[in-house]
Structures are given as C-alpha cells and as structure tokens.
C-alpha cells in the first residue's frame, strides 16, 4: 500500500512545484507580461506592491489555484513588461489592468493586491464596482495614511527619495506618484464589494506599526462588507512571512463567495 501513497504524494508535490505558465498581452500598444496557474471560469488576479513584480507571488500562486485561474502580472516597467513614460499613478494602473483583463477575456475577477498593489486594486474596484467580484487587500496603505502619520510621528511617514533608485523603472515612476495615487484613491467612495483585509501581526507596540494597524479601520469604513484579519507572525509581506496562514485565509474567503449566477434559456 505504501507505493501508491508515495506515488500520490510525489505527484502532488510536483504539481505544487510546477512553475507558472508565462504569457504576454498587448495593452495600449505595450507588452504586458503575466504568469498564471490553474484553470477555471473564476479568476483571481494578483497585484504586487511597490518595487515588486509578479514573481513575488510565485510561492502562493499554485497553492491558490484550486478550481481557480490565478494570474499575476508585471505592471509597466517591471519584469517582462515594457515601460511607460506616463505618470504611474492609480489612474494609469486602472487603465492598464482594464486593458489586460480585456485582452485575456477575464470578466469579474477577484482582485488581490499587496501594499501599493492593494491601493490600485481598491481604486479599480471602486471605479468599476460591477466588474470586480471581490477584493483581498494585503497590507494595503490606508486612505490618508501619510497625513495621519505626519500628525503622529516625526519619521517614516514619507517614501525616502533615494530608495526609489533600487527599484526597476516602473517602481521608480510609481514611487514618484505615490502622493497622486493617494489623492486619487481618497476621491473614490469604496463600496459594498466583498472584501478580505489581511494585515501584519499585531505586536502590541506603538510607533509606525501601531499606527498602521489602527489605520486599517479606515479600510473597513470604505469597504463595509469587509472583515479584517491580523497575521500570526511576520511583517509587511504576509504572503511570505505567514504563507500557510495567508493561503488558508484567501482560500477560505474565495470558497465562501457565492457561486456565479448562470443564465438559462426559458423552456418553450
């Protein structure tokens, strides 16, 4: 009996370890590179944070692809995607994502965004409420956080200007447009989209981390159909620091979403 069990275990391990399928799409005349796992009519699209490309999700992508098609993409100027000389704000991110979804034939995806990618995902959902099934916001910068931080703390509230030079071209452009993206997101009204908010471990300490966690309530105000969960360990990269917990939270959330409605022709 052991041989079949070992073979089954090895096959499952190989399935989990399989690399993503790489693809390219043309959006507004520029190449957008993406990777995907799994298959199905329901789609989870993941947006990486500032300075990170789609590769940040390589470890969790295949684990989330159980009955779902999971897609992560490089925004302009990241990874295999062509750069765009325009301002890289939330509005540009919205246009790029809308073009990518159209090119891939994806309708009403669940959007999962980490950090700045969460700001972009939330902005997209607020601007296109009928086109997003649900939201997962991982360590997303709360609306108005920079202002709230400046009122409480002396340091750490704004992005260090020199740090942007360690980023790829797209990251540098996004860093330069953070204030504009924050203003654009603040002008949207949020909405009733089902939302899961995942944030860092609550260490019980004050300072930046304490303020960050307290400000997550701002996201709950903007997304009244949301619930907030704090990771058992780690910091800003919940999908790395508490990977199993992260996968369990997202998988449970996806599994609890209502099945999509199907239309049927009347009998006659």
Protein backbone atom coordinates (compact mmCIF):
# COMPACT_ATOMS: atom_id res chain seq x y z
CA UNK A 1 0.00 0.00 0.00
CA UNK A 2 2.94 2.33 0.57
CA UNK A 3 3.94 2.56 -3.12
CA UNK A 4 0.62 4.07 -4.29
CA UNK A 5 0.65 6.51 -1.35
CA UNK A 6 4.21 7.58 -2.10
CA UNK A 7 3.40 7.99 -5.78
CA UNK A 8 0.35 10.10 -4.93
CA UNK A 9 2.39 12.26 -2.55
CA UNK A 10 5.15 12.79 -5.13
CA UNK A 11 2.63 13.69 -7.83
CA UNK A 12 1.01 16.24 -5.53
CA UNK A 13 4.38 17.72 -4.60
CA UNK A 14 5.35 18.01 -8.25
CA UNK A 15 2.05 19.71 -9.02
CA UNK A 16 2.63 22.31 -6.33
CA UNK A 17 6.20 22.89 -7.51
CA UNK A 18 5.27 23.38 -11.16
CA UNK A 19 6.31 26.82 -12.42
CA UNK A 20 3.78 29.32 -13.66
CA UNK A 21 2.72 29.42 -17.28
CA UNK A 22 4.21 32.58 -18.77
CA UNK A 23 2.29 34.76 -21.19
CA UNK A 24 2.25 38.17 -22.85
CA UNK A 25 -0.54 40.53 -23.84
CA UNK A 26 -0.57 43.82 -25.71
CA UNK A 27 -2.18 46.69 -23.82
CA UNK A 28 -2.24 50.18 -25.37
CA UNK A 29 0.49 49.10 -27.77
CA UNK A 30 2.83 47.88 -25.00
CA UNK A 31 3.77 44.38 -23.86
CA UNK A 32 2.43 43.26 -20.50
CA UNK A 33 3.96 40.06 -19.12
CA UNK A 34 1.95 37.81 -16.85
CA UNK A 35 2.08 34.36 -15.29
CA UNK A 36 -0.77 32.07 -14.38
CA UNK A 37 -1.61 28.89 -12.54
CA UNK A 38 -4.61 26.60 -12.63
CA UNK A 39 -7.73 26.91 -14.74
CA UNK A 40 -11.41 27.65 -14.37
CA UNK A 41 -14.11 30.19 -15.11
CA UNK A 42 -13.42 32.11 -11.90
CA UNK A 43 -10.26 34.20 -11.87
CA UNK A 44 -8.05 35.66 -9.14
CA UNK A 45 -5.79 38.48 -10.34
CA UNK A 46 -2.89 39.49 -8.07
CA UNK A 47 -1.26 42.94 -7.99
CA UNK A 48 2.19 43.22 -6.45
CA UNK A 49 3.43 46.02 -4.22
CA UNK A 50 5.84 48.85 -4.90
CA UNK A 51 9.17 47.56 -6.22
CA UNK A 52 7.92 44.01 -6.71
CA UNK A 53 6.87 42.26 -9.89
CA UNK A 54 4.59 39.28 -10.37
CA UNK A 55 7.34 36.93 -9.13
CA UNK A 56 6.57 37.90 -5.52
CA UNK A 57 3.53 35.59 -5.73
CA UNK A 58 5.34 32.54 -7.16
CA UNK A 59 5.13 30.57 -3.92
CA UNK A 60 1.43 31.20 -3.26
CA UNK A 61 0.08 31.27 -6.83
CA UNK A 62 -0.05 27.49 -7.33
CA UNK A 63 -1.48 26.95 -3.85
CA UNK A 64 -4.40 29.27 -4.58
CA UNK A 65 -5.13 27.68 -7.97
CA UNK A 66 -7.58 25.04 -6.76
CA UNK A 67 -10.57 25.40 -9.04
CA UNK A 68 -9.46 28.95 -9.88
CA UNK A 69 -7.40 30.51 -12.63
CA UNK A 70 -4.79 32.63 -10.86
CA UNK A 71 -2.98 35.43 -12.69
CA UNK A 72 -0.16 37.72 -11.55
CA UNK A 73 1.22 40.37 -13.90
CA UNK A 74 4.09 42.82 -14.17
CA UNK A 75 2.94 46.41 -14.30
CA UNK A 76 4.68 48.68 -16.81
CA UNK A 77 8.41 48.89 -16.22
CA UNK A 78 8.55 45.72 -14.10
CA UNK A 79 9.86 42.30 -15.07
CA UNK A 80 9.00 41.43 -18.64
CA UNK A 81 6.58 44.32 -19.21
CA UNK A 82 7.51 47.31 -21.35
CA UNK A 83 7.91 50.63 -19.56
CA UNK A 84 5.52 53.53 -19.96
CA UNK A 85 6.83 57.11 -19.73
CA UNK A 86 3.48 58.36 -18.36
CA UNK A 87 2.86 59.14 -14.70
CA UNK A 88 2.47 55.81 -12.88
CA UNK A 89 -0.47 56.71 -10.65
CA UNK A 90 -3.64 54.83 -9.71
CA UNK A 91 -5.45 56.05 -12.83
CA UNK A 92 -2.73 54.63 -15.09
CA UNK A 93 -2.78 51.36 -13.17
CA UNK A 94 -6.54 51.17 -13.63
CA UNK A 95 -6.27 51.65 -17.40
CA UNK A 96 -3.53 49.03 -17.68
CA UNK A 97 -5.47 46.45 -15.65
CA UNK A 98 -8.65 47.09 -17.61
CA UNK A 99 -6.74 46.56 -20.86
CA UNK A 100 -5.12 43.38 -19.60
CA UNK A 101 -8.42 41.87 -18.45
CA UNK A 102 -9.97 42.65 -21.82
CA UNK A 103 -7.02 41.13 -23.67
CA UNK A 104 -7.28 37.94 -21.61
CA UNK A 105 -11.06 37.77 -21.79
CA UNK A 106 -11.40 37.94 -18.00
CA UNK A 107 -14.66 39.22 -16.55
CA UNK A 108 -15.46 39.96 -12.89
CA UNK A 109 -12.24 38.71 -11.31
CA UNK A 110 -11.36 38.74 -7.64
CA UNK A 111 -8.53 41.25 -7.18
CA UNK A 112 -5.80 40.64 -4.62
CA UNK A 113 -3.39 43.50 -4.01
CA UNK A 114 -0.34 43.77 -1.77
CA UNK A 115 0.71 47.16 -0.39
CA UNK A 116 0.57 49.71 -3.24
CA UNK A 117 -0.96 46.96 -5.39
CA UNK A 118 -3.79 46.93 -2.85
CA UNK A 119 -4.32 50.66 -3.37
CA UNK A 120 -4.52 50.05 -7.12
CA UNK A 121 -6.89 47.08 -6.67
CA UNK A 122 -9.17 49.07 -4.34
CA UNK A 123 -9.16 52.04 -6.71
CA UNK A 124 -10.10 49.78 -9.60
CA UNK A 125 -12.93 48.14 -7.65
CA UNK A 126 -14.29 51.50 -6.50
CA UNK A 127 -14.23 52.87 -10.03
CA UNK A 128 -15.61 49.68 -11.61
CA UNK A 129 -17.87 48.15 -8.93
CA UNK A 130 -19.78 45.85 -11.28
CA UNK A 131 -16.60 44.45 -12.77
CA UNK A 132 -14.99 43.04 -9.61
CA UNK A 133 -16.35 40.00 -7.77
CA UNK A 134 -14.41 40.58 -4.56
CA UNK A 135 -11.26 42.14 -3.07
CA UNK A 136 -8.36 40.87 -0.97
CA UNK A 137 -6.27 43.74 0.43
CA UNK A 138 -2.95 42.60 1.92
CA UNK A 139 -1.14 45.25 3.96
CA UNK A 140 -2.77 47.92 1.83
CA UNK A 141 -1.85 51.51 2.60
CA UNK A 142 -4.92 53.02 4.35
CA UNK A 143 -6.55 56.04 2.77
CA UNK A 144 -4.99 59.23 4.14
CA UNK A 145 -2.24 57.34 5.98
CA UNK A 146 0.57 59.76 5.12
CA UNK A 147 -1.36 62.68 6.63
CA UNK A 148 -2.32 60.70 9.73
CA UNK A 149 1.25 59.51 10.15
CA UNK A 150 2.72 63.00 9.85
CA UNK A 151 0.39 64.20 12.60
CA UNK A 152 1.62 61.47 15.00
CA UNK A 153 5.19 60.62 14.06
CA UNK A 154 8.29 62.56 13.04
CA UNK A 155 9.88 59.94 10.81
CA UNK A 156 8.93 57.15 8.42
CA UNK A 157 5.78 58.72 7.00
CA UNK A 158 7.01 59.57 3.52
CA UNK A 159 8.86 57.50 0.98
CA UNK A 160 12.67 58.01 1.13
CA UNK A 161 13.53 59.70 -2.20
CA UNK A 162 16.79 57.80 -2.74
CA UNK A 163 15.20 54.41 -2.13
CA UNK A 164 13.36 54.57 -5.44
CA UNK A 165 16.66 54.07 -7.28
CA UNK A 166 16.88 50.44 -6.14
CA UNK A 167 13.60 49.75 -7.93
CA UNK A 168 13.03 48.87 -11.58
CA UNK A 169 11.88 51.69 -13.84
CA UNK A 170 8.21 51.07 -13.11
CA UNK A 171 8.83 51.17 -9.37
CA UNK A 172 10.67 54.49 -9.61
CA UNK A 173 7.76 56.02 -11.52
CA UNK A 174 5.24 54.65 -9.02
CA UNK A 175 7.28 55.97 -6.08
CA UNK A 176 7.28 59.42 -7.64
CA UNK A 177 3.48 59.29 -8.00
CA UNK A 178 2.55 57.91 -4.56
CA UNK A 179 1.05 61.20 -3.35
CA UNK A 180 -1.02 61.50 -6.52
CA UNK A 181 -2.22 57.89 -6.21
CA UNK A 182 -3.23 58.56 -2.61
CA UNK A 183 -5.25 61.60 -3.66
CA UNK A 184 -6.95 59.68 -6.45
CA UNK A 185 -7.85 56.80 -4.16
CA UNK A 186 -9.17 59.20 -1.49
CA UNK A 187 -11.58 60.65 -4.06
CA UNK A 188 -13.26 57.27 -4.61
CA UNK A 189 -16.04 56.11 -2.32
CA UNK A 190 -15.15 52.47 -1.74
CA UNK A 191 -18.24 50.29 -1.89
CA UNK A 192 -20.05 47.09 -0.94
CA UNK A 193 -17.68 44.69 -2.71
CA UNK A 194 -16.98 41.62 -0.51
CA UNK A 195 -13.52 42.29 0.92
CA UNK A 196 -10.92 40.47 2.99
CA UNK A 197 -8.30 42.69 4.65
CA UNK A 198 -5.10 40.96 5.75
CA UNK A 199 -2.55 42.85 7.79
CA UNK A 200 0.66 42.27 9.72
CA UNK A 201 0.97 40.71 13.16
CA UNK A 202 -0.29 42.85 15.99
CA UNK A 203 2.80 43.20 18.15
CA UNK A 204 1.11 45.44 20.69
CA UNK A 205 3.75 48.08 20.11
CA UNK A 206 3.21 51.70 19.19
CA UNK A 207 5.09 53.77 16.65
CA UNK A 208 4.65 53.19 12.94
CA UNK A 209 3.34 49.63 13.28
CA UNK A 210 0.77 50.59 15.88
CA UNK A 211 -0.47 53.50 13.81
CA UNK A 212 -0.56 51.32 10.68
CA UNK A 213 -2.76 48.73 12.37
CA UNK A 214 -5.06 51.36 13.87
CA UNK A 215 -5.47 52.97 10.47
CA UNK A 216 -6.64 49.69 8.93
CA UNK A 217 -10.05 50.66 10.34
CA UNK A 218 -10.11 53.26 7.57
CA UNK A 219 -10.30 50.42 5.07
CA UNK A 220 -13.21 48.89 6.97
CA UNK A 221 -15.03 52.21 6.75
CA UNK A 222 -14.52 52.37 2.98
CA UNK A 223 -15.44 48.71 2.43
CA UNK A 224 -18.34 47.96 4.82
CA UNK A 225 -18.64 44.36 3.57
CA UNK A 226 -15.06 43.70 4.71
CA UNK A 227 -13.51 41.71 7.53
CA UNK A 228 -10.04 42.29 8.93
CA UNK A 229 -7.62 39.54 9.96
CA UNK A 230 -4.16 40.02 11.50
CA UNK A 231 -1.41 37.52 10.69
CA UNK A 232 0.04 35.38 13.50
CA UNK A 233 3.61 36.33 12.59
CA UNK A 234 5.74 38.50 10.32
CA UNK A 235 5.53 41.96 8.88
CA UNK A 236 4.60 43.70 5.67
CA UNK A 237 4.96 40.65 3.40
CA UNK A 238 2.21 38.50 4.86
CA UNK A 239 2.19 36.23 1.79
CA UNK A 240 5.82 35.35 2.57
CA UNK A 241 6.10 35.69 6.35
CA UNK A 242 2.92 33.74 7.15
CA UNK A 243 2.46 31.89 3.88
CA UNK A 244 0.32 28.97 5.06
CA UNK A 245 -1.93 31.29 7.06
CA UNK A 246 -2.22 33.64 4.09
CA UNK A 247 -3.17 30.82 1.71
CA UNK A 248 -5.70 29.48 4.21
CA UNK A 249 -7.32 32.89 4.66
CA UNK A 250 -7.56 33.61 0.94
CA UNK A 251 -8.73 30.09 0.06
CA UNK A 252 -11.43 30.23 2.73
CA UNK A 253 -12.57 33.65 1.53
CA UNK A 254 -12.75 32.52 -2.10
CA UNK A 255 -14.63 29.39 -1.10
CA UNK A 256 -17.22 31.45 0.75
CA UNK A 257 -18.10 33.66 -2.21
CA UNK A 258 -21.48 32.98 -3.81
CA UNK A 259 -21.39 30.83 -6.93
CA UNK A 260 -21.68 32.98 -10.07
CA UNK A 261 -25.16 33.22 -11.48
CA UNK A 262 -25.75 31.37 -14.75
CA UNK A 263 -28.42 32.34 -17.19
CA UNK A 264 -30.62 29.73 -18.79
CA UNK A 265 -32.95 29.97 -21.70
CA UNK A 266 -36.67 29.71 -20.81
CA UNK A 267 -38.40 26.47 -21.66
CA UNK A 268 -40.63 26.74 -24.65
